[in-house]
């Protein structure tokens, strides 16, 4: 089970409401999700030790279209032919 919210900067083609939508999902959807899947992901959230990830990761580099494409290429290259 994973949860993701991302806003990709597409320059002039970026939807101005994209960040607002992502923020709405985080603020209004998280409390209910935390009831059944209590894993803290965002600043200010907490959970007991039993519900913490054993291998948390954070990334210094922001997700860009180019980085996403590199990840997609890597994913595709790993699939059996």
N, C-alpha and C. Protein backbone atom coordinates (compact mmCIF):
# COMPACT_ATOMS: atom_id res chain seq x y z
N UNK A 1 0.84 -1.17 0.00
CA UNK A 1 0.00 0.00 0.00
C UNK A 1 0.89 1.23 0.00
N UNK A 2 0.66 2.13 -0.93
CA UNK A 2 1.44 3.36 -0.98
C UNK A 2 0.50 4.54 -1.09
N UNK A 3 1.02 5.68 -0.76
CA UNK A 3 0.27 6.93 -0.87
C UNK A 3 1.22 7.94 -1.48
N UNK A 4 0.73 8.67 -2.47
CA UNK A 4 1.59 9.65 -3.13
C UNK A 4 0.78 10.87 -3.53
N UNK A 5 1.40 12.00 -3.44
CA UNK A 5 0.86 13.24 -3.97
C UNK A 5 2.05 13.96 -4.58
N UNK A 6 1.94 14.33 -5.84
CA UNK A 6 3.04 15.02 -6.49
C UNK A 6 2.51 16.13 -7.38
N UNK A 7 3.25 17.20 -7.46
CA UNK A 7 2.95 18.28 -8.38
C UNK A 7 4.21 18.50 -9.20
N UNK A 8 4.08 18.37 -10.49
CA UNK A 8 5.23 18.50 -11.38
C UNK A 8 5.21 19.87 -12.03
N UNK A 9 6.33 20.57 -11.96
CA UNK A 9 6.46 21.89 -12.56
C UNK A 9 6.63 21.72 -14.07
N UNK A 10 5.62 22.13 -14.83
CA UNK A 10 5.67 22.04 -16.29
C UNK A 10 5.83 23.42 -16.91
N UNK A 11 6.41 24.33 -16.14
CA UNK A 11 6.62 25.68 -16.66
C UNK A 11 5.29 26.36 -16.95
N UNK A 12 5.16 26.91 -18.15
CA UNK A 12 3.94 27.62 -18.55
C UNK A 12 2.72 26.69 -18.62
N UNK A 13 2.95 25.39 -18.73
CA UNK A 13 1.84 24.44 -18.85
C UNK A 13 1.39 23.88 -17.50
N UNK A 14 1.98 24.37 -16.40
CA UNK A 14 1.60 23.90 -15.07
C UNK A 14 0.20 24.40 -14.73
N UNK A 15 -0.63 23.50 -14.26
CA UNK A 15 -1.98 23.87 -13.84
C UNK A 15 -1.87 24.65 -12.53
N UNK A 16 -2.37 25.88 -12.50
CA UNK A 16 -2.22 26.70 -11.29
C UNK A 16 -2.97 26.13 -10.08
N UNK A 17 -3.90 25.23 -10.28
CA UNK A 17 -4.65 24.65 -9.16
C UNK A 17 -4.04 23.34 -8.66
N UNK A 18 -2.97 22.88 -9.30
CA UNK A 18 -2.39 21.58 -8.94
C UNK A 18 -1.91 21.55 -7.50
N UNK A 19 -1.18 22.55 -7.06
CA UNK A 19 -0.67 22.57 -5.69
C UNK A 19 -1.83 22.69 -4.70
N UNK A 20 -2.83 23.48 -5.05
CA UNK A 20 -4.01 23.62 -4.19
C UNK A 20 -4.72 22.27 -4.03
N UNK A 21 -4.83 21.51 -5.11
CA UNK A 21 -5.47 20.19 -5.06
C UNK A 21 -4.65 19.23 -4.20
N UNK A 22 -3.34 19.23 -4.37
CA UNK A 22 -2.47 18.36 -3.56
C UNK A 22 -2.60 18.70 -2.08
N UNK A 23 -2.61 19.98 -1.77
CA UNK A 23 -2.75 20.42 -0.38
C UNK A 23 -4.09 19.98 0.20
N UNK A 24 -5.14 20.07 -0.60
CA UNK A 24 -6.48 19.65 -0.16
C UNK A 24 -6.50 18.16 0.17
N UNK A 25 -5.87 17.35 -0.67
CA UNK A 25 -5.81 15.90 -0.43
C UNK A 25 -5.07 15.61 0.87
N UNK A 26 -3.94 16.29 1.07
CA UNK A 26 -3.14 16.08 2.28
C UNK A 26 -3.91 16.50 3.53
N UNK A 27 -4.49 17.68 3.48
CA UNK A 27 -5.17 18.21 4.67
C UNK A 27 -6.49 17.52 4.98
N UNK A 28 -7.25 17.14 3.95
CA UNK A 28 -8.58 16.60 4.18
C UNK A 28 -8.67 15.08 4.10
N UNK A 29 -7.71 14.44 3.50
CA UNK A 29 -7.76 12.99 3.36
C UNK A 29 -6.90 12.23 4.36
N UNK A 30 -5.91 12.88 4.90
CA UNK A 30 -4.95 12.19 5.78
C UNK A 30 -5.57 11.68 7.07
N UNK A 31 -6.41 12.45 7.72
CA UNK A 31 -6.90 12.03 9.04
C UNK A 31 -7.65 10.71 8.96
N UNK A 32 -8.47 10.54 7.94
CA UNK A 32 -9.21 9.28 7.78
C UNK A 32 -8.26 8.14 7.42
N UNK A 33 -7.30 8.40 6.56
CA UNK A 33 -6.34 7.37 6.17
C UNK A 33 -5.51 6.91 7.37
N UNK A 34 -5.13 7.84 8.22
CA UNK A 34 -4.32 7.50 9.39
C UNK A 34 -5.04 6.55 10.35
N UNK A 35 -6.37 6.52 10.31
CA UNK A 35 -7.12 5.61 11.17
C UNK A 35 -6.86 4.15 10.79
N UNK A 36 -6.78 3.87 9.49
CA UNK A 36 -6.58 2.48 9.06
C UNK A 36 -5.14 2.17 8.64
N UNK A 37 -4.36 3.18 8.38
CA UNK A 37 -2.97 3.01 7.95
C UNK A 37 -2.12 4.06 8.65
N UNK A 38 -1.85 3.86 9.95
CA UNK A 38 -1.22 4.90 10.76
C UNK A 38 0.30 5.03 10.58
N UNK A 39 0.71 5.47 9.42
CA UNK A 39 2.13 5.66 9.14
C UNK A 39 2.37 7.14 8.88
N UNK A 40 3.15 7.81 9.74
CA UNK A 40 3.40 9.24 9.56
C UNK A 40 4.26 9.50 8.32
N UNK A 41 3.82 10.46 7.51
CA UNK A 41 4.56 10.83 6.31
C UNK A 41 4.94 12.30 6.29
N UNK A 42 4.15 13.13 6.94
CA UNK A 42 4.33 14.56 6.84
C UNK A 42 4.75 15.17 8.18
N UNK A 43 5.36 16.35 8.14
CA UNK A 43 5.79 17.05 9.35
C UNK A 43 4.60 17.17 10.29
N UNK A 44 4.87 16.91 11.57
CA UNK A 44 3.84 17.05 12.57
C UNK A 44 3.04 15.80 12.84
N UNK A 45 3.12 14.78 11.96
CA UNK A 45 2.42 13.52 12.19
C UNK A 45 3.28 12.60 13.03
N UNK A 46 2.64 11.80 13.85
CA UNK A 46 3.37 10.86 14.70
C UNK A 46 2.61 9.54 14.76
N UNK A 47 3.33 8.48 15.06
CA UNK A 47 2.73 7.16 15.24
C UNK A 47 3.59 6.40 16.22
N UNK A 48 3.03 5.36 16.81
CA UNK A 48 3.84 4.58 17.74
C UNK A 48 4.87 3.78 16.96
N UNK A 49 5.86 3.29 17.65
CA UNK A 49 7.01 2.61 17.03
C UNK A 49 6.58 1.44 16.14
N UNK A 50 5.52 0.73 16.50
CA UNK A 50 5.07 -0.44 15.74
C UNK A 50 4.61 -0.08 14.33
N UNK A 51 4.21 1.17 14.12
CA UNK A 51 3.69 1.59 12.82
C UNK A 51 4.67 2.42 12.00
N UNK A 52 5.90 2.51 12.44
CA UNK A 52 6.89 3.29 11.69
C UNK A 52 7.56 2.42 10.63
N UNK A 53 7.90 3.04 9.52
CA UNK A 53 8.58 2.34 8.45
C UNK A 53 9.97 1.90 8.90
N UNK A 54 10.37 0.70 8.50
CA UNK A 54 11.69 0.21 8.84
C UNK A 54 12.78 0.76 7.95
N UNK A 55 12.39 1.38 6.83
CA UNK A 55 13.36 1.89 5.88
C UNK A 55 12.87 3.21 5.27
N UNK A 56 12.73 4.25 6.10
CA UNK A 56 12.22 5.51 5.55
C UNK A 56 13.24 6.17 4.63
N UNK A 57 12.75 6.86 3.62
CA UNK A 57 13.63 7.53 2.67
C UNK A 57 13.15 8.95 2.45
N UNK A 58 14.10 9.85 2.34
CA UNK A 58 13.82 11.22 1.92
C UNK A 58 14.81 11.54 0.81
N UNK A 59 14.42 12.44 -0.05
CA UNK A 59 15.24 12.77 -1.21
C UNK A 59 15.49 14.27 -1.26
N UNK A 60 16.73 14.64 -1.44
CA UNK A 60 17.11 16.05 -1.50
C UNK A 60 16.69 16.69 -2.83
N UNK A 61 16.64 15.88 -3.87
CA UNK A 61 16.33 16.38 -5.20
C UNK A 61 14.83 16.42 -5.43
N UNK A 62 14.32 17.56 -5.90
CA UNK A 62 12.90 17.67 -6.20
C UNK A 62 12.57 16.85 -7.44
N UNK A 63 11.34 16.34 -7.49
CA UNK A 63 10.91 15.57 -8.65
C UNK A 63 10.59 16.53 -9.80
N UNK A 64 11.30 16.35 -10.90
CA UNK A 64 11.07 17.14 -12.11
C UNK A 64 10.58 16.19 -13.19
N UNK A 65 10.11 16.73 -14.28
CA UNK A 65 9.67 15.91 -15.40
C UNK A 65 10.84 15.04 -15.88
N UNK A 66 12.02 15.63 -15.96
CA UNK A 66 13.20 14.90 -16.44
C UNK A 66 13.55 13.75 -15.49
N UNK A 67 13.51 14.01 -14.18
CA UNK A 67 13.82 12.96 -13.21
C UNK A 67 12.76 11.86 -13.26
N UNK A 68 11.50 12.24 -13.38
CA UNK A 68 10.43 11.26 -13.50
C UNK A 68 10.65 10.38 -14.73
N UNK A 69 11.03 10.97 -15.85
CA UNK A 69 11.29 10.21 -17.07
C UNK A 69 12.43 9.22 -16.87
N UNK A 70 13.48 9.64 -16.16
CA UNK A 70 14.60 8.73 -15.87
C UNK A 70 14.13 7.54 -15.04
N UNK A 71 13.30 7.82 -14.05
CA UNK A 71 12.77 6.74 -13.22
C UNK A 71 11.88 5.79 -14.03
N UNK A 72 11.09 6.35 -14.92
CA UNK A 72 10.24 5.53 -15.77
C UNK A 72 11.09 4.65 -16.70
N UNK A 73 12.14 5.21 -17.26
CA UNK A 73 13.04 4.44 -18.12
C UNK A 73 13.69 3.30 -17.33
N UNK A 74 14.14 3.59 -16.12
CA UNK A 74 14.73 2.56 -15.27
C UNK A 74 13.72 1.46 -14.98
N UNK A 75 12.51 1.85 -14.63
CA UNK A 75 11.46 0.88 -14.33
C UNK A 75 11.18 -0.02 -15.54
N UNK A 76 11.07 0.58 -16.72
CA UNK A 76 10.81 -0.17 -17.94
C UNK A 76 11.97 -1.13 -18.26
N UNK A 77 13.19 -0.68 -18.03
CA UNK A 77 14.35 -1.52 -18.34
C UNK A 77 14.46 -2.73 -17.44
N UNK A 78 13.82 -2.67 -16.28
CA UNK A 78 13.86 -3.78 -15.32
C UNK A 78 12.82 -4.86 -15.59
N UNK A 79 11.86 -4.55 -16.45
CA UNK A 79 10.80 -5.52 -16.76
C UNK A 79 11.34 -6.59 -17.70
N UNK A 80 10.88 -7.83 -17.50
CA UNK A 80 11.34 -8.90 -18.40
C UNK A 80 10.87 -8.64 -19.83
N UNK A 81 11.70 -8.98 -20.76
CA UNK A 81 11.38 -8.76 -22.18
C UNK A 81 10.56 -9.88 -22.74
